[in-house]
Each structure stands twice: as C-alpha cells, then as structure tokens.
Amino acid sequence: MAITSAIVLYAVIWFLTLFVVLPMRLVTQGEAGHVVPGTPEGAPEGAVMARKLRLTTIVATLLWAVVTAVILSGVISVRDFDVMNRLPPESGARGTGE
C-alpha cells in the first residue's frame, strides 16, 4: 500500500467515524427547553466538539490499523471481491520461482 493510499484510507475511515460519533449523546435545544432565538429546536444544546473529535480520532486510528493490517497481510485481496470473474488471471504462479 502506497503512502497516499494509506492517507486516503485514514481520511475515509475518520470521516465515517465522525458521522457515527456526532449524534451520540446529542441533546437538542428543544429537549433542553432553551431555544436560542433564530435557531431551530433541533439544534444541539452543547455539541462538545473537542471531545467528539478526540473520540473520532482514537476510534478511526484503531480501525485504520486493523484495516491496514488486513490489506498488507494479504488475507483479503481485490480478487476476493471479484464475484463475476472480470479480473484477468494472475501473471505467473506464486511460490514456483517463475
């Protein structure tokens, strides 16, 4: 895996994790009973973004490490997802010294 691929993979995992973490423990202004004029009732009361960003970074880093280890180990490859057999055959046999 190239460094660019690793960075892109981390960015994708980080943003997906952020979208999962954002609604956790969300208290809206309507639920808290204190709606700031000019905002909807569904606006968050106290988003606590610093804590959510830290949690996102920790979880995303752990997930990225697992996914990267699986990719680099070769346990799962692109050929495992080729259910319609559209990829060309592998060039040369592995382990035969060719």
PDB file of N, CA and C in Angstrom:
ATOM      1  N   MET A   1       0.855  -1.169   0.000  1.00  0.00           N
ATOM      2  CA  MET A   1       0.000   0.000   0.000  1.00  0.00           C
ATOM      3  C   MET A   1       0.903   1.234   0.000  1.00  0.00           C
ATOM      4  N   ALA A   2       0.629   2.130  -0.918  1.00  0.00           N
ATOM      5  CA  ALA A   2       1.395   3.370  -1.006  1.00  0.00           C
ATOM      6  C   ALA A   2       0.973   4.322   0.113  1.00  0.00           C
ATOM      7  N   ILE A   3       1.810   5.294   0.412  1.00  0.00           N
ATOM      8  CA  ILE A   3       1.511   6.249   1.479  1.00  0.00           C
ATOM      9  C   ILE A   3       0.257   7.059   1.168  1.00  0.00           C
ATOM     10  N   THR A   4       0.063   7.386  -0.111  1.00  0.00           N
ATOM     11  CA  THR A   4      -1.137   8.132  -0.499  1.00  0.00           C
ATOM     12  C   THR A   4      -2.386   7.307  -0.236  1.00  0.00           C
ATOM     13  N   SER A   5      -2.336   6.029  -0.555  1.00  0.00           N
ATOM     14  CA  SER A   5      -3.474   5.148  -0.298  1.00  0.00           C
ATOM     15  C   SER A   5      -3.765   5.053   1.194  1.00  0.00           C
ATOM     16  N   ALA A   6      -2.730   4.979   1.998  1.00  0.00           N
ATOM     17  CA  ALA A   6      -2.914   4.902   3.451  1.00  0.00           C
ATOM     18  C   ALA A   6      -3.552   6.175   3.989  1.00  0.00           C
ATOM     19  N   ILE A   7      -3.143   7.329   3.478  1.00  0.00           N
ATOM     20  CA  ILE A   7      -3.705   8.602   3.935  1.00  0.00           C
ATOM     21  C   ILE A   7      -5.167   8.726   3.517  1.00  0.00           C
ATOM     22  N   VAL A   8      -5.469   8.348   2.288  1.00  0.00           N
ATOM     23  CA  VAL A   8      -6.855   8.412   1.814  1.00  0.00           C
ATOM     24  C   VAL A   8      -7.729   7.442   2.608  1.00  0.00           C
ATOM     25  N   LEU A   9      -7.232   6.248   2.867  1.00  0.00           N
ATOM     26  CA  LEU A   9      -7.978   5.283   3.664  1.00  0.00           C
ATOM     27  C   LEU A   9      -8.250   5.826   5.060  1.00  0.00           C
ATOM     28  N   TYR A  10      -7.247   6.450   5.672  1.00  0.00           N
ATOM     29  CA  TYR A  10      -7.439   7.032   7.002  1.00  0.00           C
ATOM     30  C   TYR A  10      -8.478   8.152   6.965  1.00  0.00           C
ATOM     31  N   ALA A  11      -8.432   9.007   5.948  1.00  0.00           N
ATOM     32  CA  ALA A  11      -9.390  10.109   5.844  1.00  0.00           C
ATOM     33  C   ALA A  11     -10.818   9.588   5.692  1.00  0.00           C
ATOM     34  N   VAL A  12     -10.997   8.574   4.880  1.00  0.00           N
ATOM     35  CA  VAL A  12     -12.337   7.999   4.692  1.00  0.00           C
ATOM     36  C   VAL A  12     -12.844   7.396   5.991  1.00  0.00           C
ATOM     37  N   ILE A  13     -12.005   6.618   6.655  1.00  0.00           N
ATOM     38  CA  ILE A  13     -12.408   5.997   7.927  1.00  0.00           C
ATOM     39  C   ILE A  13     -12.677   7.066   8.981  1.00  0.00           C
ATOM     40  N   TRP A  14     -11.854   8.127   9.015  1.00  0.00           N
ATOM     41  CA  TRP A  14     -12.032   9.185  10.017  1.00  0.00           C
ATOM     42  C   TRP A  14     -13.382   9.886   9.830  1.00  0.00           C
ATOM     43  N   PHE A  15     -13.711  10.242   8.593  1.00  0.00           N
ATOM     44  CA  PHE A  15     -14.981  10.935   8.366  1.00  0.00           C
ATOM     45  C   PHE A  15     -16.179  10.029   8.600  1.00  0.00           C
ATOM     46  N   LEU A  16     -16.085   8.756   8.218  1.00  0.00           N
ATOM     47  CA  LEU A  16     -17.181   7.834   8.508  1.00  0.00           C
ATOM     48  C   LEU A  16     -17.382   7.691  10.015  1.00  0.00           C
ATOM     49  N   THR A  17     -16.292   7.614  10.739  1.00  0.00           N
ATOM     50  CA  THR A  17     -16.384   7.523  12.198  1.00  0.00           C
ATOM     51  C   THR A  17     -16.969   8.801  12.787  1.00  0.00           C
ATOM     52  N   LEU A  18     -16.584   9.951  12.246  1.00  0.00           N
ATOM     53  CA  LEU A  18     -17.133  11.227  12.726  1.00  0.00           C
ATOM     54  C   LEU A  18     -18.642  11.260  12.568  1.00  0.00           C
ATOM     55  N   PHE A  19     -19.142  10.798  11.420  1.00  0.00           N
ATOM     56  CA  PHE A  19     -20.586  10.822  11.193  1.00  0.00           C
ATOM     57  C   PHE A  19     -21.325   9.862  12.113  1.00  0.00           C
ATOM     58  N   VAL A  20     -20.649   8.843  12.607  1.00  0.00           N
ATOM     59  CA  VAL A  20     -21.261   7.939  13.581  1.00  0.00           C
ATOM     60  C   VAL A  20     -21.225   8.563  14.974  1.00  0.00           C
ATOM     61  N   VAL A  21     -20.137   9.254  15.302  1.00  0.00           N
ATOM     62  CA  VAL A  21     -19.952   9.808  16.648  1.00  0.00           C
ATOM     63  C   VAL A  21     -20.782  11.076  16.874  1.00  0.00           C
ATOM     64  N   LEU A  22     -20.980  11.885  15.849  1.00  0.00           N
ATOM     65  CA  LEU A  22     -21.662  13.176  16.029  1.00  0.00           C
ATOM     66  C   LEU A  22     -23.023  13.089  16.719  1.00  0.00           C
ATOM     67  N   PRO A  23     -23.912  12.178  16.337  1.00  0.00           N
ATOM     68  CA  PRO A  23     -25.222  12.168  17.008  1.00  0.00           C
ATOM     69  C   PRO A  23     -25.239  11.519  18.390  1.00  0.00           C
ATOM     70  N   MET A  24     -24.144  10.939  18.839  1.00  0.00           N
ATOM     71  CA  MET A  24     -24.125  10.298  20.152  1.00  0.00           C
ATOM     72  C   MET A  24     -24.252  11.344  21.260  1.00  0.00           C
ATOM     73  N   ARG A  25     -25.087  11.029  22.244  1.00  0.00           N
ATOM     74  CA  ARG A  25     -25.330  11.897  23.412  1.00  0.00           C
ATOM     75  C   ARG A  25     -25.727  13.319  23.001  1.00  0.00           C
ATOM     76  N   LEU A  26     -26.455  13.439  21.906  1.00  0.00           N
ATOM     77  CA  LEU A  26     -26.884  14.741  21.422  1.00  0.00           C
ATOM     78  C   LEU A  26     -28.133  15.180  22.166  1.00  0.00           C
ATOM     79  N   VAL A  27     -28.088  16.358  22.752  1.00  0.00           N
ATOM     80  CA  VAL A  27     -29.246  16.961  23.407  1.00  0.00           C
ATOM     81  C   VAL A  27     -29.608  18.204  22.604  1.00  0.00           C
ATOM     82  N   THR A  28     -30.816  18.216  22.062  1.00  0.00           N
ATOM     83  CA  THR A  28     -31.231  19.360  21.256  1.00  0.00           C
ATOM     84  C   THR A  28     -31.710  20.492  22.158  1.00  0.00           C
ATOM     85  N   GLN A  29     -31.790  21.678  21.585  1.00  0.00           N
ATOM     86  CA  GLN A  29     -32.273  22.837  22.343  1.00  0.00           C
ATOM     87  C   GLN A  29     -33.722  22.639  22.751  1.00  0.00           C
ATOM     88  N   GLY A  30     -34.496  21.962  21.905  1.00  0.00           N
ATOM     89  CA  GLY A  30     -35.893  21.691  22.235  1.00  0.00           C
ATOM     90  C   GLY A  30     -36.022  20.759  23.424  1.00  0.00           C
ATOM     91  N   GLU A  31     -35.164  19.745  23.498  1.00  0.00           N
ATOM     92  CA  GLU A  31     -35.186  18.815  24.628  1.00  0.00           C
ATOM     93  C   GLU A  31     -34.728  19.496  25.912  1.00  0.00           C
ATOM     94  N   ALA A  32     -33.771  20.413  25.800  1.00  0.00           N
ATOM     95  CA  ALA A  32     -33.246  21.108  26.980  1.00  0.00           C
ATOM     96  C   ALA A  32     -34.192  22.207  27.442  1.00  0.00           C
ATOM     97  N   GLY A  33     -35.115  22.619  26.568  1.00  0.00           N
ATOM     98  CA  GLY A  33     -36.076  23.667  26.946  1.00  0.00           C
ATOM     99  C   GLY A  33     -35.524  25.068  26.815  1.00  0.00           C
ATOM    100  N   HIS A  34     -34.420  25.233  26.143  1.00  0.00           N
ATOM    101  CA  HIS A  34     -33.821  26.552  25.970  1.00  0.00           C
ATOM    102  C   HIS A  34     -33.461  26.740  24.503  1.00  0.00           C
ATOM    103  N   VAL A  35     -34.398  27.321  23.734  1.00  0.00           N
ATOM    104  CA  VAL A  35     -34.181  27.522  22.308  1.00  0.00           C
ATOM    105  C   VAL A  35     -33.694  28.949  22.081  1.00  0.00           C
ATOM    106  N   VAL A  36     -32.526  29.077  21.500  1.00  0.00           N
ATOM    107  CA  VAL A  36     -31.960  30.388  21.187  1.00  0.00           C
ATOM    108  C   VAL A  36     -32.753  30.967  20.020  1.00  0.00           C
ATOM    109  N   PRO A  37     -33.198  32.230  20.121  1.00  0.00           N
ATOM    110  CA  PRO A  37     -33.966  32.821  19.031  1.00  0.00           C
ATOM    111  C   PRO A  37     -33.185  32.786  17.704  1.00  0.00           C
ATOM    112  N   GLY A  38     -33.881  32.384  16.651  1.00  0.00           N
ATOM    113  CA  GLY A  38     -33.270  32.310  15.332  1.00  0.00           C
ATOM    114  C   GLY A  38     -32.683  30.954  14.993  1.00  0.00           C
ATOM    115  N   THR A  39     -32.757  30.003  15.934  1.00  0.00           N
ATOM    116  CA  THR A  39     -32.253  28.660  15.672  1.00  0.00           C
ATOM    117  C   THR A  39     -33.403  27.662  15.767  1.00  0.00           C
ATOM    118  N   PRO A  40     -33.309  26.539  15.069  1.00  0.00           N
ATOM    119  CA  PRO A  40     -34.370  25.532  15.168  1.00  0.00           C
ATOM    120  C   PRO A  40     -34.280  24.764  16.481  1.00  0.00           C
ATOM    121  N   GLU A  41     -35.381  24.127  16.860  1.00  0.00           N
ATOM    122  CA  GLU A  41     -35.393  23.353  18.100  1.00  0.00           C
ATOM    123  C   GLU A  41     -34.454  22.153  18.035  1.00  0.00           C
ATOM    124  N   GLY A  42     -34.159  21.684  16.827  1.00  0.00           N
ATOM    125  CA  GLY A  42     -33.291  20.517  16.661  1.00  0.00           C
ATOM    126  C   GLY A  42     -31.810  20.837  16.728  1.00  0.00           C
ATOM    127  N   ALA A  43     -31.459  22.113  16.904  1.00  0.00           N
ATOM    128  CA  ALA A  43     -30.049  22.489  17.015  1.00  0.00           C
ATOM    129  C   ALA A  43     -29.483  21.957  18.328  1.00  0.00           C
ATOM    130  N   PRO A  44     -28.208  21.527  18.323  1.00  0.00           N
ATOM    131  CA  PRO A  44     -27.641  20.976  19.554  1.00  0.00           C
ATOM    132  C   PRO A  44     -27.488  22.023  20.646  1.00  0.00           C
ATOM    133  N   GLU A  45     -27.717  21.592  21.883  1.00  0.00           N
ATOM    134  CA  GLU A  45     -27.575  22.477  23.043  1.00  0.00           C
ATOM    135  C   GLU A  45     -26.107  22.745  23.323  1.00  0.00           C
ATOM    136  N   GLY A  46     -25.327  21.709  23.452  1.00  0.00           N
ATOM    137  CA  GLY A  46     -23.881  21.832  23.672  1.00  0.00           C
ATOM    138  C   GLY A  46     -23.208  20.706  22.912  1.00  0.00           C
ATOM    139  N   ALA A  47     -22.601  20.993  21.798  1.00  0.00           N
ATOM    140  CA  ALA A  47     -22.095  19.943  20.923  1.00  0.00           C
ATOM    141  C   ALA A  47     -20.848  19.251  21.474  1.00  0.00           C
ATOM    142  N   VAL A  48     -20.023  19.932  22.250  1.00  0.00           N
ATOM    143  CA  VAL A  48     -18.788  19.395  22.819  1.00  0.00           C
ATOM    144  C   VAL A  48     -17.940  18.770  21.699  1.00  0.00           C
ATOM    145  N   MET A  49     -17.627  19.574  20.715  1.00  0.00           N
ATOM    146  CA  MET A  49     -16.930  19.085  19.524  1.00  0.00           C
ATOM    147  C   MET A  49     -15.516  18.582  19.828  1.00  0.00           C
ATOM    148  N   ALA A  50     -14.817  19.199  20.744  1.00  0.00           N
ATOM    149  CA  ALA A  50     -13.442  18.765  21.034  1.00  0.00           C
ATOM    150  C   ALA A  50     -13.427  17.317  21.505  1.00  0.00           C
ATOM    151  N   ARG A  51     -14.341  16.953  22.384  1.00  0.00           N
ATOM    152  CA  ARG A  51     -14.405  15.586  22.892  1.00  0.00           C
ATOM    153  C   ARG A  51     -14.779  14.615  21.770  1.00  0.00           C
ATOM    154  N   LYS A  52     -15.714  15.019  20.919  1.00  0.00           N
ATOM    155  CA  LYS A  52     -16.142  14.147  19.824  1.00  0.00           C
ATOM    156  C   LYS A  52     -15.033  13.972  18.792  1.00  0.00           C
ATOM    157  N   LEU A  53     -14.257  15.010  18.546  1.00  0.00           N
ATOM    158  CA  LEU A  53     -13.154  14.899  17.588  1.00  0.00           C
ATOM    159  C   LEU A  53     -12.046  14.006  18.137  1.00  0.00           C
ATOM    160  N   ARG A  54     -11.768  14.099  19.437  1.00  0.00           N
ATOM    161  CA  ARG A  54     -10.773  13.220  20.052  1.00  0.00           C
ATOM    162  C   ARG A  54     -11.216  11.761  19.970  1.00  0.00           C
ATOM    163  N   LEU A  55     -12.475  11.507  20.310  1.00  0.00           N
ATOM    164  CA  LEU A  55     -13.005  10.147  20.242  1.00  0.00           C
ATOM    165  C   LEU A  55     -12.966   9.623  18.813  1.00  0.00           C
ATOM    166  N   THR A  56     -13.332  10.472  17.863  1.00  0.00           N
ATOM    167  CA  THR A  56     -13.287  10.087  16.447  1.00  0.00           C
ATOM    168  C   THR A  56     -11.879   9.710  16.028  1.00  0.00           C
ATOM    169  N   THR A  57     -10.899  10.489  16.431  1.00  0.00           N
ATOM    170  CA  THR A  57      -9.512  10.229  16.053  1.00  0.00           C
ATOM    171  C   THR A  57      -9.013   8.919  16.649  1.00  0.00           C
ATOM    172  N   ILE A  58      -9.338   8.663  17.893  1.00  0.00           N
ATOM    173  CA  ILE A  58      -8.896   7.420  18.552  1.00  0.00           C
ATOM    174  C   ILE A  58      -9.522   6.204  17.882  1.00  0.00           C
ATOM    175  N   VAL A  59     -10.833   6.230  17.691  1.00  0.00           N
ATOM    176  CA  VAL A  59     -11.527   5.081  17.095  1.00  0.00           C
ATOM    177  C   VAL A  59     -11.094   4.884  15.644  1.00  0.00           C
ATOM    178  N   ALA A  60     -10.975   5.982  14.890  1.00  0.00           N
ATOM    179  CA  ALA A  60     -10.579   5.875  13.484  1.00  0.00           C
ATOM    180  C   ALA A  60      -9.164   5.334  13.347  1.00  0.00           C
ATOM    181  N   THR A  61      -8.276   5.713  14.231  1.00  0.00           N
ATOM    182  CA  THR A  61      -6.902   5.211  14.179  1.00  0.00           C
ATOM    183  C   THR A  61      -6.866   3.708  14.443  1.00  0.00           C
ATOM    184  N   LEU A  62      -7.642   3.245  15.402  1.00  0.00           N
ATOM    185  CA  LEU A  62      -7.700   1.809  15.680  1.00  0.00           C
ATOM    186  C   LEU A  62      -8.292   1.045  14.497  1.00  0.00           C
ATOM    187  N   LEU A  63      -9.382   1.554  13.938  1.00  0.00           N
ATOM    188  CA  LEU A  63      -9.992   0.900  12.776  1.00  0.00           C
ATOM    189  C   LEU A  63      -9.041   0.895  11.578  1.00  0.00           C
ATOM    190  N   TRP A  64      -8.355   2.020  11.365  1.00  0.00           N
ATOM    191  CA  TRP A  64      -7.408   2.123  10.257  1.00  0.00           C
ATOM    192  C   TRP A  64      -6.271   1.103  10.420  1.00  0.00           C
ATOM    193  N   ALA A  65      -5.795   0.942  11.640  1.00  0.00           N
ATOM    194  CA  ALA A  65      -4.713  -0.013  11.879  1.00  0.00           C
ATOM    195  C   ALA A  65      -5.156  -1.436  11.552  1.00  0.00           C
ATOM    196  N   VAL A  66      -6.370  -1.780  11.930  1.00  0.00           N
ATOM    197  CA  VAL A  66      -6.886  -3.125  11.643  1.00  0.00           C
ATOM    198  C   VAL A  66      -7.060  -3.321  10.139  1.00  0.00           C
ATOM    199  N   VAL A  67      -7.695  -2.354   9.473  1.00  0.00           N
ATOM    200  CA  VAL A  67      -7.929  -2.470   8.028  1.00  0.00           C
ATOM    201  C   VAL A  67      -6.601  -2.510   7.278  1.00  0.00           C
ATOM    202  N   THR A  68      -5.651  -1.682   7.671  1.00  0.00           N
ATOM    203  CA  THR A  68      -4.344  -1.666   7.012  1.00  0.00           C
ATOM    204  C   THR A  68      -3.610  -2.993   7.215  1.00  0.00           C
ATOM    205  N   ALA A  69      -3.685  -3.550   8.411  1.00  0.00           N
ATOM    206  CA  ALA A  69      -3.039  -4.835   8.670  1.00  0.00           C
ATOM    207  C   ALA A  69      -3.651  -5.935   7.808  1.00  0.00           C
ATOM    208  N   VAL A  70      -4.964  -5.926   7.653  1.00  0.00           N
ATOM    209  CA  VAL A  70      -5.627  -6.929   6.814  1.00  0.00           C
ATOM    210  C   VAL A  70      -5.204  -6.766   5.359  1.00  0.00           C
ATOM    211  N   ILE A  71      -5.149  -5.530   4.878  1.00  0.00           N
ATOM    212  CA  ILE A  71      -4.761  -5.285   3.488  1.00  0.00           C
ATOM    213  C   ILE A  71      -3.310  -5.703   3.251  1.00  0.00           C
ATOM    214  N   LEU A  72      -2.409  -5.301   4.129  1.00  0.00           N
ATOM    215  CA  LEU A  72      -0.990  -5.605   3.944  1.00  0.00           C
ATOM    216  C   LEU A  72      -0.673  -7.087   4.124  1.00  0.00           C
ATOM    217  N   SER A  73      -1.439  -7.782   4.947  1.00  0.00           N
ATOM    218  CA  SER A  73      -1.184  -9.208   5.163  1.00  0.00           C
ATOM    219  C   SER A  73      -1.609 -10.050   3.967  1.00  0.00           C
ATOM    220  N   GLY A  74      -2.518  -9.541   3.164  1.00  0.00           N
ATOM    221  CA  GLY A  74      -2.988 -10.282   2.008  1.00  0.00           C
ATOM    222  C   GLY A  74      -4.077 -11.284   2.319  1.00  0.00           C
ATOM    223  N   VAL A  75      -4.600 -11.260   3.538  1.00  0.00           N
ATOM    224  CA  VAL A  75      -5.685 -12.165   3.912  1.00  0.00           C
ATOM    225  C   VAL A  75      -6.889 -11.940   3.006  1.00  0.00           C
ATOM    226  N   ILE A  76      -7.193 -10.691   2.726  1.00  0.00           N
ATOM    227  CA  ILE A  76      -8.274 -10.321   1.813  1.00  0.00           C
ATOM    228  C   ILE A  76      -7.652  -9.495   0.697  1.00  0.00           C
ATOM    229  N   SER A  77      -7.971  -9.849  -0.534  1.00  0.00           N
ATOM    230  CA  SER A  77      -7.451  -9.102  -1.673  1.00  0.00           C
ATOM    231  C   SER A  77      -8.610  -8.660  -2.560  1.00  0.00           C
ATOM    232  N   VAL A  78      -8.292  -7.921  -3.599  1.00  0.00           N
ATOM    233  CA  VAL A  78      -9.308  -7.456  -4.534  1.00  0.00           C
ATOM    234  C   VAL A  78      -9.964  -8.645  -5.235  1.00  0.00           C
ATOM    235  N   ARG A  79      -9.190  -9.681  -5.471  1.00  0.00           N
ATOM    236  CA  ARG A  79      -9.726 -10.866  -6.149  1.00  0.00           C
ATOM    237  C   ARG A  79     -10.815 -11.560  -5.338  1.00  0.00           C
ATOM    238  N   ASP A  80     -10.824 -11.388  -4.042  1.00  0.00           N
ATOM    239  CA  ASP A  80     -11.870 -11.978  -3.215  1.00  0.00           C
ATOM    240  C   ASP A  80     -13.231 -11.330  -3.475  1.00  0.00           C
ATOM    241  N   PHE A  81     -13.245 -10.120  -3.988  1.00  0.00           N
ATOM    242  CA  PHE A  81     -14.487  -9.406  -4.271  1.00  0.00           C
ATOM    243  C   PHE A  81     -14.900  -9.512  -5.743  1.00  0.00           C
ATOM    244  N   ASP A  82     -14.113 -10.199  -6.560  1.00  0.00           N
ATOM    245  CA  ASP A  82     -14.396 -10.346  -7.990  1.00  0.00           C
ATOM    246  C   ASP A  82     -15.344 -11.526  -8.198  1.00  0.00           C
ATOM    247  N   VAL A  83     -16.624 -11.335  -7.889  1.00  0.00           N
ATOM    248  CA  VAL A  83     -17.593 -12.424  -7.976  1.00  0.00           C
ATOM    249  C   VAL A  83     -17.992 -12.718  -9.417  1.00  0.00           C
ATOM    250  N   MET A  84     -17.782 -11.795 -10.337  1.00  0.00           N
ATOM    251  CA  MET A  84     -18.158 -12.005 -11.738  1.00  0.00           C
ATOM    252  C   MET A  84     -16.960 -12.405 -12.596  1.00  0.00           C
ATOM    253  N   ASN A  85     -15.819 -12.656 -11.977  1.00  0.00           N
ATOM    254  CA  ASN A  85     -14.594 -13.089 -12.658  1.00  0.00           C
ATOM    255  C   ASN A  85     -14.204 -12.166 -13.811  1.00  0.00           C
ATOM    256  N   ARG A  86     -14.135 -10.885 -13.542  1.00  0.00           N
ATOM    257  CA  ARG A  86     -13.781  -9.905 -14.569  1.00  0.00           C
ATOM    258  C   ARG A  86     -12.300  -9.536 -14.540  1.00  0.00           C
ATOM    259  N   LEU A  87     -11.600  -9.861 -13.466  1.00  0.00           N
ATOM    260  CA  LEU A  87     -10.170  -9.563 -13.398  1.00  0.00           C
ATOM    261  C   LEU A  87      -9.399 -10.566 -14.253  1.00  0.00           C
ATOM    262  N   PRO A  88      -8.331 -10.105 -14.897  1.00  0.00           N
ATOM    263  CA  PRO A  88      -7.525 -11.048 -15.687  1.00  0.00           C
ATOM    264  C   PRO A  88      -6.811 -12.027 -14.759  1.00  0.00           C
ATOM    265  N   PRO A  89      -6.389 -13.162 -15.294  1.00  0.00           N
ATOM    266  CA  PRO A  89      -5.671 -14.133 -14.440  1.00  0.00           C
ATOM    267  C   PRO A  89      -4.366 -13.532 -13.920  1.00  0.00           C
ATOM    268  N   GLU A  90      -3.932 -14.023 -12.771  1.00  0.00           N
ATOM    269  CA  GLU A  90      -2.691 -13.528 -12.179  1.00  0.00           C
ATOM    270  C   GLU A  90      -1.518 -13.888 -13.074  1.00  0.00           C
ATOM    271  N   SER A  91      -0.567 -12.953 -13.171  1.00  0.00           N
ATOM    272  CA  SER A  91       0.608 -13.212 -14.004  1.00  0.00           C
ATOM    273  C   SER A  91       1.623 -14.038 -13.222  1.00  0.00           C
ATOM    274  N   GLY A  92       1.886 -15.247 -13.676  1.00  0.00           N
ATOM    275  CA  GLY A  92       2.848 -16.121 -13.004  1.00  0.00           C
ATOM    276  C   GLY A  92       2.262 -16.761 -11.763  1.00  0.00           C
ATOM    277  N   ALA A  93       2.704 -17.939 -11.460  1.00  0.00           N
ATOM    278  CA  ALA A  93       2.245 -18.631 -10.278  1.00  0.00           C
ATOM    279  C   ALA A  93       3.101 -18.212  -9.085  1.00  0.00           C
ATOM    280  N   ARG A  94       2.500 -18.098  -7.953  1.00  0.00           N
ATOM    281  CA  ARG A  94       3.232 -17.709  -6.744  1.00  0.00           C
ATOM    282  C   ARG A  94       3.952 -18.911  -6.160  1.00  0.00           C
ATOM    283  N   GLY A  95       5.159 -18.670  -5.683  1.00  0.00           N
ATOM    284  CA  GLY A  95       5.888 -19.694  -4.965  1.00  0.00           C
ATOM    285  C   GLY A  95       6.571 -20.732  -5.842  1.00  0.00           C
ATOM    286  N   THR A  96       6.516 -20.568  -7.169  1.00  0.00           N
ATOM    287  CA  THR A  96       7.145 -21.559  -8.040  1.00  0.00           C
ATOM    288  C   THR A  96       8.497 -21.069  -8.565  1.00  0.00           C
ATOM    289  N   GLY A  97       8.857 -19.832  -8.242  1.00  0.00           N
ATOM    290  CA  GLY A  97      10.147 -19.304  -8.661  1.00  0.00           C
ATOM    291  C   GLY A  97      10.166 -18.762 -10.065  1.00  0.00           C
ATOM    292  N   GLU A  98       9.024 -18.634 -10.682  1.00  0.00           N
ATOM    293  CA  GLU A  98       8.955 -18.106 -12.058  1.00  0.00           C
ATOM    294  C   GLU A  98       8.970 -16.605 -12.085  1.00  0.00           C
TER     295      GLU A  98
END
